[in-house]
């Protein structure tokens, strides 16, 4: 299999990165590792132990502690090659051969045009997306996953895993004067303890599927309804900001 793959790649337009490209790719890898490690540090606010127990598991891309640990383990093994003429040139940013034992990510011309820091359409999000393939996750819900993956993360796709970091765990504010005003974090490559995901998980503490209660109390119900409204407002604000960024860029 490995020999066949090497011959196949020679026939394609695959080659080693230039020195400048290698520096950019390795820098993106290190920043992504910083992001993932920071998510572990803020696990109490941003990660879950059992996504299947959360009422919003099918609405939001809940990320487990185990998944972040797996992403770190696989990303640390990653090396890079480039493909200047991918088969779907107008769309392909990067790709992997998930069945290969080599943890190689093939970077295409669009990768170098992506944003440097964590954001929608960022190099960091692309690396998280591709490394998710090494863990067995698929691009679409229709593709089959193993039983253990289904138990760990129902319906998560590679795109949703990347989106979780690019949007749901990310800071709401820009990094200025060496810190994020939304939470006071001073590390550039970090996630936000006051992010949309943190808000969702705080809300979910009221809506975790109860095992011994048939219904919420009146006070709990009121808090849940109010939190639902606030969550929708926060989500709408982020969507408006995303649309505005598209016009700006």
Protein backbone atom coordinates (compact mmCIF):
# COMPACT_ATOMS: atom_id res chain seq x y z
CA UNK A 1 0.00 0.00 0.00
CA UNK A 2 2.73 2.48 0.99
CA UNK A 3 4.76 1.69 -2.15
CA UNK A 4 1.69 2.15 -4.35
CA UNK A 5 0.98 5.47 -2.67
CA UNK A 6 4.52 6.74 -3.28
CA UNK A 7 4.29 5.86 -6.97
CA UNK A 8 0.89 7.50 -7.22
CA UNK A 9 2.16 10.71 -5.64
CA UNK A 10 5.13 10.86 -8.01
CA UNK A 11 2.66 10.73 -10.90
CA UNK A 12 0.79 13.68 -9.39
CA UNK A 13 2.17 17.16 -8.78
CA UNK A 14 3.40 16.43 -5.27
CA UNK A 15 6.70 17.78 -4.01
CA UNK A 16 8.42 18.88 -0.78
CA UNK A 17 7.70 22.35 0.56
CA UNK A 18 10.07 25.20 -0.10
CA UNK A 19 11.91 26.55 2.93
CA UNK A 20 9.52 29.50 3.22
CA UNK A 21 6.49 27.24 2.85
CA UNK A 22 7.86 24.84 5.43
CA UNK A 23 8.23 27.67 7.95
CA UNK A 24 4.63 28.79 7.37
CA UNK A 25 3.28 25.24 7.67
CA UNK A 26 5.28 24.44 10.82
CA UNK A 27 4.24 27.75 12.36
CA UNK A 28 0.58 26.92 11.66
CA UNK A 29 1.11 23.50 13.22
CA UNK A 30 2.64 24.99 16.38
CA UNK A 31 -0.16 27.56 16.68
CA UNK A 32 -2.74 24.81 16.30
CA UNK A 33 -1.05 22.79 19.04
CA UNK A 34 -1.11 25.87 21.29
CA UNK A 35 -4.85 26.22 20.62
CA UNK A 36 -5.51 22.57 21.45
CA UNK A 37 -3.41 22.62 24.62
CA UNK A 38 -5.16 25.81 25.72
CA UNK A 39 -8.52 24.09 25.23
CA UNK A 40 -7.31 21.38 27.62
CA UNK A 41 -6.37 24.02 30.19
CA UNK A 42 -9.87 25.49 29.92
CA UNK A 43 -11.60 22.12 29.83
CA UNK A 44 -14.01 22.96 32.64
CA UNK A 45 -15.47 25.81 30.57
CA UNK A 46 -15.17 24.49 27.01
CA UNK A 47 -15.02 20.69 26.84
CA UNK A 48 -17.32 17.86 27.84
CA UNK A 49 -16.72 14.36 29.15
CA UNK A 50 -19.82 12.78 27.60
CA UNK A 51 -21.30 14.73 24.66
CA UNK A 52 -24.16 12.24 24.39
CA UNK A 53 -25.56 13.38 27.75
CA UNK A 54 -26.06 16.98 26.62
CA UNK A 55 -29.45 18.10 25.37
CA UNK A 56 -27.84 20.24 22.64
CA UNK A 57 -25.55 17.50 21.33
CA UNK A 58 -27.31 17.49 17.93
CA UNK A 59 -27.44 21.30 17.66
CA UNK A 60 -23.88 22.35 18.49
CA UNK A 61 -20.47 20.73 17.86
CA UNK A 62 -19.66 19.69 21.42
CA UNK A 63 -16.01 18.74 21.79
CA UNK A 64 -14.84 16.11 24.24
CA UNK A 65 -11.65 16.08 26.26
CA UNK A 66 -10.69 12.81 24.60
CA UNK A 67 -11.09 14.26 21.11
CA UNK A 68 -8.75 17.17 21.88
CA UNK A 69 -6.17 14.77 23.30
CA UNK A 70 -6.44 12.64 20.16
CA UNK A 71 -6.05 15.67 17.90
CA UNK A 72 -2.88 16.68 19.74
CA UNK A 73 -1.44 13.18 19.51
CA UNK A 74 -2.03 12.94 15.76
CA UNK A 75 -1.02 16.51 14.92
CA UNK A 76 2.35 16.06 16.63
CA UNK A 77 3.10 13.29 14.08
CA UNK A 78 2.16 15.38 11.04
CA UNK A 79 4.57 16.23 8.23
CA UNK A 80 3.78 18.27 5.13
CA UNK A 81 4.02 18.00 1.35
CA UNK A 82 2.52 20.26 -1.30
CA UNK A 83 0.32 19.59 -4.31
CA UNK A 84 0.27 22.51 -6.73
CA UNK A 85 -2.27 20.91 -9.03
CA UNK A 86 -4.96 19.09 -7.00
CA UNK A 87 -7.72 17.28 -8.87
CA UNK A 88 -10.34 19.75 -7.63
CA UNK A 89 -8.07 22.76 -7.94
CA UNK A 90 -10.69 25.45 -7.40
CA UNK A 91 -11.81 24.05 -4.03
CA UNK A 92 -9.14 21.85 -2.48
CA UNK A 93 -7.21 23.49 0.36
CA UNK A 94 -5.48 20.40 1.72
CA UNK A 95 -6.01 16.65 1.84
CA UNK A 96 -4.74 13.47 3.48
CA UNK A 97 -4.69 9.74 2.83
CA UNK A 98 -6.24 8.61 6.09
CA UNK A 99 -5.56 4.91 5.40
CA UNK A 100 -1.82 5.53 5.16
CA UNK A 101 0.37 5.05 8.23
CA UNK A 102 2.24 8.24 7.31
CA UNK A 103 0.67 11.30 8.90
CA UNK A 104 1.20 13.58 5.90
CA UNK A 105 -0.97 16.57 5.07
CA UNK A 106 -0.80 17.67 1.43
CA UNK A 107 -1.13 21.44 1.17
CA UNK A 108 -2.61 23.03 -1.96
CA UNK A 109 -2.28 26.64 -3.24
CA UNK A 110 -5.43 27.80 -1.42
CA UNK A 111 -3.88 26.89 1.94
CA UNK A 112 -1.35 29.73 1.69
CA UNK A 113 -4.19 32.23 1.18
CA UNK A 114 -6.01 31.27 4.38
CA UNK A 115 -5.96 33.35 7.55
CA UNK A 116 -2.89 33.00 9.74
CA UNK A 117 -4.67 33.02 13.10
CA UNK A 118 -7.66 31.07 14.34
CA UNK A 119 -10.81 32.24 12.51
CA UNK A 120 -13.25 30.99 9.92
CA UNK A 121 -11.25 29.84 6.86
CA UNK A 122 -7.95 29.74 8.74
CA UNK A 123 -4.88 27.57 8.31
CA UNK A 124 -5.36 26.33 11.86
CA UNK A 125 -8.90 25.21 11.16
CA UNK A 126 -7.73 23.40 8.04
CA UNK A 127 -5.12 21.46 10.01
CA UNK A 128 -7.72 20.47 12.61
CA UNK A 129 -10.04 19.38 9.79
CA UNK A 130 -7.38 17.21 8.14
CA UNK A 131 -6.10 15.67 11.38
CA UNK A 132 -9.71 14.72 12.19
CA UNK A 133 -9.58 12.45 9.13
CA UNK A 134 -6.70 10.53 10.73
CA UNK A 135 -9.02 9.87 13.68
CA UNK A 136 -11.64 8.38 11.36
CA UNK A 137 -14.05 11.30 11.12
CA UNK A 138 -15.72 11.99 7.77
CA UNK A 139 -16.68 15.09 5.80
CA UNK A 140 -20.38 14.23 5.62
CA UNK A 141 -22.98 12.75 7.93
CA UNK A 142 -23.87 10.11 5.34
CA UNK A 143 -20.46 8.47 5.55
CA UNK A 144 -20.15 5.61 8.02
CA UNK A 145 -18.21 5.91 11.27
CA UNK A 146 -17.23 3.21 13.73
CA UNK A 147 -19.45 2.39 16.70
CA UNK A 148 -16.94 3.85 19.18
CA UNK A 149 -16.82 7.13 17.24
CA UNK A 150 -20.60 7.28 17.12
CA UNK A 151 -20.74 6.87 20.88
CA UNK A 152 -18.09 9.52 21.46
CA UNK A 153 -19.32 12.11 19.00
CA UNK A 154 -22.68 11.60 17.40
CA UNK A 155 -22.97 13.25 13.98
CA UNK A 156 -19.74 15.24 14.22
CA UNK A 157 -18.00 15.73 10.89
CA UNK A 158 -14.50 16.99 10.13
CA UNK A 159 -16.00 20.35 9.14
CA UNK A 160 -17.91 20.61 12.41
CA UNK A 161 -14.84 19.81 14.48
CA UNK A 162 -12.89 22.58 12.73
CA UNK A 163 -15.86 24.95 13.06
CA UNK A 164 -16.04 24.29 16.79
CA UNK A 165 -12.56 25.75 17.21
CA UNK A 166 -12.78 28.47 14.55
CA UNK A 167 -16.06 29.85 15.84
CA UNK A 168 -17.55 28.29 18.98
CA UNK A 169 -14.39 28.18 21.12
CA UNK A 170 -12.76 31.25 19.61
CA UNK A 171 -12.59 34.77 21.03
CA UNK A 172 -15.34 37.25 20.15
CA UNK A 173 -12.95 40.21 20.15
CA UNK A 174 -9.75 41.02 18.28
CA UNK A 175 -6.30 40.58 19.81
CA UNK A 176 -5.12 44.12 20.56
CA UNK A 177 -2.47 45.54 22.89
CA UNK A 178 -1.31 41.99 23.66
CA UNK A 179 -4.61 40.69 25.01
CA UNK A 180 -8.22 39.80 24.16
CA UNK A 181 -10.68 42.24 25.70
CA UNK A 182 -13.45 39.61 25.80
CA UNK A 183 -11.72 37.59 28.51
CA UNK A 184 -8.37 39.21 29.32
CA UNK A 185 -6.36 36.33 27.80
CA UNK A 186 -2.83 37.44 26.86
CA UNK A 187 -1.83 34.44 24.73
CA UNK A 188 -2.39 35.11 21.01
CA UNK A 189 -3.02 31.47 20.14
CA UNK A 190 -5.73 30.56 22.62
CA UNK A 191 -9.42 29.84 23.04
CA UNK A 192 -11.89 31.86 25.09
CA UNK A 193 -13.32 30.84 28.44
CA UNK A 194 -16.23 33.20 27.70
CA UNK A 195 -16.82 31.93 24.16
CA UNK A 196 -20.10 30.82 22.64
CA UNK A 197 -19.22 27.23 23.55
CA UNK A 198 -18.70 28.21 27.19
CA UNK A 199 -22.13 29.85 27.15
CA UNK A 200 -23.70 26.76 25.57
CA UNK A 201 -22.20 24.45 28.18
CA UNK A 202 -23.29 26.66 31.06
CA UNK A 203 -26.79 26.54 29.59
CA UNK A 204 -26.53 22.77 29.23
CA UNK A 205 -25.95 22.37 32.95
CA UNK A 206 -29.66 23.11 33.22
CA UNK A 207 -30.59 20.85 30.34
CA UNK A 208 -28.46 17.72 30.69
CA UNK A 209 -30.77 14.79 30.15
CA UNK A 210 -31.97 13.90 33.67
CA UNK A 211 -31.69 10.28 34.77
CA UNK A 212 -33.90 10.45 37.84
CA UNK A 213 -36.09 13.53 37.24
CA UNK A 214 -39.06 13.54 34.91
CA UNK A 215 -39.11 17.34 34.56
CA UNK A 216 -37.41 20.55 35.64
CA UNK A 217 -38.66 22.60 38.54
CA UNK A 218 -40.45 25.87 37.81
CA UNK A 219 -37.38 27.95 38.66
CA UNK A 220 -35.12 25.73 36.56
CA UNK A 221 -37.56 25.98 33.65
CA UNK A 222 -37.55 29.79 33.82
CA UNK A 223 -33.76 29.92 33.95
CA UNK A 224 -33.58 27.50 31.01
CA UNK A 225 -35.97 29.59 28.91
CA UNK A 226 -34.08 32.82 29.67
CA UNK A 227 -30.74 31.21 28.90
CA UNK A 228 -32.15 29.89 25.62
CA UNK A 229 -33.08 33.44 24.62
CA UNK A 230 -29.64 34.78 25.54
CA UNK A 231 -27.97 31.94 23.67
CA UNK A 232 -29.92 32.74 20.51
CA UNK A 233 -28.98 36.42 20.80
CA UNK A 234 -25.28 35.58 21.19
CA UNK A 235 -25.43 33.17 18.25
CA UNK A 236 -27.14 35.80 16.07
CA UNK A 237 -24.49 38.38 16.97
CA UNK A 238 -21.73 35.99 15.90
CA UNK A 239 -23.51 35.28 12.62
CA UNK A 240 -23.81 39.01 11.91
CA UNK A 241 -20.11 39.47 12.68
CA UNK A 242 -19.23 36.60 10.32
CA UNK A 243 -21.25 38.18 7.50
CA UNK A 244 -19.62 41.56 8.15
CA UNK A 245 -16.15 39.98 7.98
CA UNK A 246 -16.98 38.50 4.57
CA UNK A 247 -17.69 41.97 3.18
CA UNK A 248 -14.64 43.50 4.85
CA UNK A 249 -12.28 40.90 3.45
